[in-house]
Amino acid sequence: MDAFGSSGRLAGVAGLAPVPRDSGRISGNMRRPHRYHRRLLRIFYLSAQAAARCCPVSRAFYERTRSEGKSHKQAVLALARRRLDALRALIRDRRTFTTEPPQRGLAAA
C-alpha cells in the first residue's frame, strides 16, 4: 500500500478516478482511464452493489447520488470510490472496521 501514497492513486489504478485528457490550451477534461486493474475495479464495484442493498448508510449515499441525477452505474462507482477511500484509511491507520466513526478526542490524548 505504500507504493500508492494516497487513496487517489489507488483509485486511479482501480479505474475509479478520472484521468485528465487535456491538450495544450484546454484543461479540466476528465475521462475514464483506458489502463486500469480490471479485477480491482470489479471487486470494488460488486462490493458497492452489495453495500447499496444491505448497508443503510451506503443505501442512503446511493439514493442521494441517484437523486442528484446520476445513473445507476455512476452512483455505484461513486459508492465504490467512497468505500475505497475508507478501506485505504483503515489500512493506513491500522484499524479494523466498526460501524461507529472513530472518536477524535482519543487521538489527541
C-alpha atoms as a PDB file:
ATOM      1  CA  MET A   1       0.000   0.000   0.000  1.00  0.00           C
ATOM      2  CA  ASP A   2       2.967   2.332   0.440  1.00  0.00           C
ATOM      3  CA  ALA A   3       3.537   2.245  -3.323  1.00  0.00           C
ATOM      4  CA  PHE A   4       0.313   4.171  -3.932  1.00  0.00           C
ATOM      5  CA  GLY A   5       0.877   7.015  -1.484  1.00  0.00           C
ATOM      6  CA  SER A   6      -2.737   8.218  -1.440  1.00  0.00           C
ATOM      7  CA  SER A   7      -6.218   6.914  -1.980  1.00  0.00           C
ATOM      8  CA  GLY A   8      -6.404   8.904  -5.214  1.00  0.00           C
ATOM      9  CA  ARG A   9      -3.504   6.926  -6.650  1.00  0.00           C
ATOM     10  CA  LEU A  10      -5.120   3.653  -5.631  1.00  0.00           C
ATOM     11  CA  ALA A  11      -8.404   4.797  -7.162  1.00  0.00           C
ATOM     12  CA  GLY A  12      -6.559   5.631 -10.370  1.00  0.00           C
ATOM     13  CA  VAL A  13      -5.074   2.148 -10.540  1.00  0.00           C
ATOM     14  CA  ALA A  14      -8.506   0.640  -9.878  1.00  0.00           C
ATOM     15  CA  GLY A  15     -10.131   2.773 -12.569  1.00  0.00           C
ATOM     16  CA  LEU A  16     -12.363   4.649 -10.119  1.00  0.00           C
ATOM     17  CA  ALA A  17     -10.742   8.048 -10.579  1.00  0.00           C
ATOM     18  CA  PRO A  18     -10.892  10.088 -13.777  1.00  0.00           C
ATOM     19  CA  VAL A  19      -7.701  10.976 -15.598  1.00  0.00           C
ATOM     20  CA  PRO A  20      -7.025  14.249 -17.414  1.00  0.00           C
ATOM     21  CA  ARG A  21      -7.457  14.438 -21.166  1.00  0.00           C
ATOM     22  CA  ASP A  22      -6.008  17.886 -21.639  1.00  0.00           C
ATOM     23  CA  SER A  23      -4.449  19.474 -24.658  1.00  0.00           C
ATOM     24  CA  GLY A  24      -2.127  22.463 -24.677  1.00  0.00           C
ATOM     25  CA  ARG A  25      -4.882  25.055 -24.237  1.00  0.00           C
ATOM     26  CA  ILE A  26      -7.747  23.137 -22.713  1.00  0.00           C
ATOM     27  CA  SER A  27      -7.584  21.918 -19.119  1.00  0.00           C
ATOM     28  CA  GLY A  28     -10.083  20.150 -16.908  1.00  0.00           C
ATOM     29  CA  ASN A  29     -11.158  17.487 -19.412  1.00  0.00           C
ATOM     30  CA  MET A  30     -11.522  14.326 -17.404  1.00  0.00           C
ATOM     31  CA  ARG A  31     -12.253  10.880 -18.801  1.00  0.00           C
ATOM     32  CA  ARG A  32     -12.286   7.268 -17.739  1.00  0.00           C
ATOM     33  CA  PRO A  33      -8.811   5.717 -17.923  1.00  0.00           C
ATOM     34  CA  HIS A  34      -8.008   3.139 -20.594  1.00  0.00           C
ATOM     35  CA  ARG A  35      -5.479   1.304 -18.477  1.00  0.00           C
ATOM     36  CA  TYR A  36      -6.613   0.135 -15.057  1.00  0.00           C
ATOM     37  CA  HIS A  37      -6.729  -3.012 -12.939  1.00  0.00           C
ATOM     38  CA  ARG A  38      -9.974  -4.641 -14.023  1.00  0.00           C
ATOM     39  CA  ARG A  39     -10.130  -7.189 -11.206  1.00  0.00           C
ATOM     40  CA  LEU A  40      -9.689  -4.465  -8.605  1.00  0.00           C
ATOM     41  CA  LEU A  41     -12.435  -2.392 -10.221  1.00  0.00           C
ATOM     42  CA  ARG A  42     -14.737  -5.412 -10.254  1.00  0.00           C
ATOM     43  CA  ILE A  43     -14.078  -6.117  -6.569  1.00  0.00           C
ATOM     44  CA  PHE A  44     -14.990  -2.587  -5.526  1.00  0.00           C
ATOM     45  CA  TYR A  45     -17.966  -2.414  -7.919  1.00  0.00           C
ATOM     46  CA  LEU A  46     -19.502  -5.645  -6.594  1.00  0.00           C
ATOM     47  CA  SER A  47     -18.755  -4.574  -3.025  1.00  0.00           C
ATOM     48  CA  ALA A  48     -20.558  -1.282  -3.621  1.00  0.00           C
ATOM     49  CA  GLN A  49     -23.556  -3.019  -5.188  1.00  0.00           C
ATOM     50  CA  ALA A  50     -23.886  -5.353  -2.199  1.00  0.00           C
ATOM     51  CA  ALA A  51     -23.473  -2.464   0.233  1.00  0.00           C
ATOM     52  CA  ALA A  52     -26.138  -0.431  -1.583  1.00  0.00           C
ATOM     53  CA  ARG A  53     -28.581  -3.262  -0.913  1.00  0.00           C
ATOM     54  CA  CYS A  54     -27.621  -4.245   2.640  1.00  0.00           C
ATOM     55  CA  CYS A  55     -25.952  -1.333   4.461  1.00  0.00           C
ATOM     56  CA  PRO A  56     -28.319   1.514   5.419  1.00  0.00           C
ATOM     57  CA  VAL A  57     -25.563   4.165   5.302  1.00  0.00           C
ATOM     58  CA  SER A  58     -24.409   3.065   1.871  1.00  0.00           C
ATOM     59  CA  ARG A  59     -28.010   2.803   0.701  1.00  0.00           C
ATOM     60  CA  ALA A  60     -28.630   6.404   1.775  1.00  0.00           C
ATOM     61  CA  PHE A  61     -25.495   7.560  -0.095  1.00  0.00           C
ATOM     62  CA  TYR A  62     -26.605   5.635  -3.194  1.00  0.00           C
ATOM     63  CA  GLU A  63     -30.111   7.102  -3.069  1.00  0.00           C
ATOM     64  CA  ARG A  64     -28.760  10.621  -2.525  1.00  0.00           C
ATOM     65  CA  THR A  65     -26.448  10.230  -5.510  1.00  0.00           C
ATOM     66  CA  ARG A  66     -29.329   8.950  -7.639  1.00  0.00           C
ATOM     67  CA  SER A  67     -31.488  11.892  -6.588  1.00  0.00           C
ATOM     68  CA  GLU A  68     -28.732  14.218  -7.857  1.00  0.00           C
ATOM     69  CA  GLY A  69     -29.433  12.882 -11.346  1.00  0.00           C
ATOM     70  CA  LYS A  70     -26.679  10.284 -11.628  1.00  0.00           C
ATOM     71  CA  SER A  71     -27.324   6.976 -13.368  1.00  0.00           C
ATOM     72  CA  HIS A  72     -27.190   3.672 -11.510  1.00  0.00           C
ATOM     73  CA  LYS A  73     -23.692   2.935 -12.765  1.00  0.00           C
ATOM     74  CA  GLN A  74     -22.408   6.386 -11.792  1.00  0.00           C
ATOM     75  CA  ALA A  75     -23.934   6.076  -8.324  1.00  0.00           C
ATOM     76  CA  VAL A  76     -22.400   2.639  -7.758  1.00  0.00           C
ATOM     77  CA  LEU A  77     -18.991   3.868  -8.937  1.00  0.00           C
ATOM     78  CA  ALA A  78     -19.245   6.844  -6.569  1.00  0.00           C
ATOM     79  CA  LEU A  79     -20.049   4.468  -3.713  1.00  0.00           C
ATOM     80  CA  ALA A  80     -17.150   2.225  -4.758  1.00  0.00           C
ATOM     81  CA  ARG A  81     -14.776   5.196  -4.630  1.00  0.00           C
ATOM     82  CA  ARG A  82     -16.083   6.107  -1.197  1.00  0.00           C
ATOM     83  CA  ARG A  83     -15.531   2.548   0.016  1.00  0.00           C
ATOM     84  CA  LEU A  84     -12.017   2.519  -1.458  1.00  0.00           C
ATOM     85  CA  ASP A  85     -11.174   5.715   0.441  1.00  0.00           C
ATOM     86  CA  ALA A  86     -12.490   4.186   3.667  1.00  0.00           C
ATOM     87  CA  LEU A  87     -10.529   0.970   3.144  1.00  0.00           C
ATOM     88  CA  ARG A  88      -7.334   2.917   2.457  1.00  0.00           C
ATOM     89  CA  ALA A  89      -7.845   4.934   5.656  1.00  0.00           C
ATOM     90  CA  LEU A  90      -8.384   1.744   7.669  1.00  0.00           C
ATOM     91  CA  ILE A  91      -5.178   0.221   6.326  1.00  0.00           C
ATOM     92  CA  ARG A  92      -3.233   3.453   6.849  1.00  0.00           C
ATOM     93  CA  ASP A  93      -4.378   3.800  10.469  1.00  0.00           C
ATOM     94  CA  ARG A  94      -4.108   0.058  11.135  1.00  0.00           C
ATOM     95  CA  ARG A  95      -7.668  -0.124  12.422  1.00  0.00           C
ATOM     96  CA  THR A  96     -10.475  -2.597  11.992  1.00  0.00           C
ATOM     97  CA  PHE A  97     -13.868  -1.646  10.629  1.00  0.00           C
ATOM     98  CA  THR A  98     -16.607  -0.607  13.042  1.00  0.00           C
ATOM     99  CA  THR A  99     -19.932   0.973  12.254  1.00  0.00           C
ATOM    100  CA  GLU A 100     -19.233   3.884  14.623  1.00  0.00           C
ATOM    101  CA  PRO A 101     -16.837   6.573  13.366  1.00  0.00           C
ATOM    102  CA  PRO A 102     -13.568   6.997  15.317  1.00  0.00           C
ATOM    103  CA  GLN A 103     -13.623   9.437  18.207  1.00  0.00           C
ATOM    104  CA  ARG A 104     -11.372  12.449  17.691  1.00  0.00           C
ATOM    105  CA  GLY A 105     -10.811  13.189  21.391  1.00  0.00           C
ATOM    106  CA  LEU A 106      -8.962   9.935  21.948  1.00  0.00           C
ATOM    107  CA  ALA A 107      -6.434  10.605  19.182  1.00  0.00           C
ATOM    108  CA  ALA A 108      -5.225  13.824  20.835  1.00  0.00           C
ATOM    109  CA  ALA A 109      -4.704  12.175  24.228  1.00  0.00           C
END
